[in-house]
Amino acid sequence: MRLPPGGQALMTDLYELTMAQSYLRHGMTAPASFSLFVRKYPQDRAYLVAAGLEHVLDFLQDFHFAEEDLAYLRSTGIFGDDLLEHLAKLRFTGDVWAVP
């Protein structure tokens, strides 16, 4: 499954974007860690299969805020130019650690 061009970075919620603005304004720009995890394990599970890593890697490789994403965020009146400029340049530059 490939994601359509544009819009990928907006696959988040308003809370995350408003927190990003707050962190940026408070100078909190150090690297961060994120985890993908299972919220609810199947009952009586004997094992758990990790699948879909290829989709995550594809998403991260092309992660960016497209012009239409930034235009939408600007139109809300919620986000300042400082955040929008930061998001325009934002790319994933980290490491992915996963179970082989």
Protein backbone atom coordinates (compact mmCIF):
# COMPACT_ATOMS: atom_id res chain seq x y z
CA MET A 1 0.00 0.00 0.00
CA ARG A 2 1.53 3.31 -1.06
CA LEU A 3 0.27 6.55 0.44
CA PRO A 4 -0.94 9.25 -1.96
CA PRO A 5 1.40 12.20 -2.58
CA GLY A 6 0.84 15.11 -0.22
CA GLY A 7 -1.05 14.86 3.03
CA GLN A 8 1.05 12.11 4.63
CA ALA A 9 2.40 14.33 7.36
CA LEU A 10 -1.12 15.38 8.35
CA MET A 11 -1.86 11.81 9.44
CA THR A 12 -1.73 13.01 13.03
CA ASP A 13 -4.03 14.87 15.36
CA LEU A 14 -4.35 18.52 16.28
CA TYR A 15 -2.83 17.88 19.70
CA GLU A 16 0.50 16.76 18.22
CA LEU A 17 0.75 19.83 15.99
CA THR A 18 -0.14 22.28 18.77
CA MET A 19 2.41 20.59 21.03
CA ALA A 20 5.04 20.88 18.27
CA GLN A 21 4.34 24.61 18.14
CA SER A 22 4.69 24.92 21.90
CA TYR A 23 7.94 22.91 21.95
CA LEU A 24 9.40 25.02 19.15
CA ARG A 25 8.52 28.28 20.89
CA HIS A 26 10.12 27.05 24.11
CA GLY A 27 13.31 26.02 22.29
CA MET A 28 12.67 22.32 22.83
CA THR A 29 14.15 21.06 19.57
CA ALA A 30 16.34 18.15 20.73
CA PRO A 31 15.95 14.76 19.03
CA ALA A 32 13.00 12.67 20.21
CA SER A 33 12.09 8.99 20.22
CA PHE A 34 8.80 7.45 19.18
CA SER A 35 7.47 3.91 19.37
CA LEU A 36 4.91 1.96 17.40
CA PHE A 37 3.25 -0.52 19.71
CA VAL A 38 0.25 -2.77 20.22
CA ARG A 39 -2.45 -1.19 22.36
CA LYS A 40 -4.30 -4.40 23.15
CA TYR A 41 -2.75 -7.84 22.91
CA PRO A 42 -4.96 -10.66 21.63
CA GLN A 43 -6.35 -12.80 24.43
CA ASP A 44 -4.50 -16.12 24.98
CA ARG A 45 -1.80 -15.18 22.51
CA ALA A 46 1.12 -17.56 22.11
CA TYR A 47 3.08 -15.13 19.95
CA LEU A 48 2.75 -11.80 18.16
CA VAL A 49 3.69 -11.19 14.54
CA ALA A 50 5.18 -7.82 13.60
CA ALA A 51 4.03 -6.85 10.12
CA GLY A 52 3.85 -3.70 8.06
CA LEU A 53 7.35 -2.40 8.73
CA GLU A 54 7.87 -1.85 4.99
CA HIS A 55 4.92 0.59 4.98
CA VAL A 56 6.35 2.48 7.95
CA LEU A 57 9.75 2.75 6.24
CA ASP A 58 8.14 3.98 3.01
CA PHE A 59 6.20 6.58 4.99
CA LEU A 60 9.30 7.80 6.83
CA GLN A 61 11.44 7.91 3.70
CA ASP A 62 9.01 10.30 2.01
CA PHE A 63 7.83 12.13 5.15
CA HIS A 64 7.23 15.81 4.48
CA PHE A 65 4.58 18.49 4.74
CA ALA A 66 3.41 19.24 1.21
CA GLU A 67 2.52 22.80 0.19
CA GLU A 68 -1.20 21.97 0.41
CA ASP A 69 -0.65 20.64 3.96
CA LEU A 70 1.03 23.88 5.00
CA ALA A 71 -1.65 25.96 3.29
CA TYR A 72 -4.33 24.08 5.20
CA LEU A 73 -2.53 24.54 8.53
CA ARG A 74 -2.06 28.24 7.77
CA SER A 75 -5.79 28.58 6.98
CA THR A 76 -6.76 27.35 10.45
CA GLY A 77 -5.24 30.44 12.07
CA ILE A 78 -3.90 28.24 14.86
CA PHE A 79 -0.26 27.93 13.81
CA GLY A 80 2.40 30.60 13.59
CA ASP A 81 4.79 31.20 10.74
CA ASP A 82 7.64 29.88 12.91
CA LEU A 83 6.09 26.41 13.04
CA LEU A 84 5.01 26.41 9.39
CA GLU A 85 8.54 27.31 8.28
CA HIS A 86 9.94 24.56 10.48
CA LEU A 87 7.45 21.99 9.12
CA ALA A 88 8.26 22.97 5.52
CA LYS A 89 11.86 21.80 6.08
CA LEU A 90 11.09 18.83 8.32
CA ARG A 91 12.33 15.41 7.13
CA PHE A 92 12.88 12.15 8.97
CA THR A 93 16.58 11.74 9.74
CA GLY A 94 16.54 9.15 12.48
CA ASP A 95 17.12 5.44 12.89
CA VAL A 96 14.52 2.70 12.87
CA TRP A 97 15.06 -0.21 15.20
CA ALA A 98 12.84 -3.21 14.65
CA VAL A 99 12.55 -6.91 15.35
CA PRO A 100 14.06 -8.75 12.35
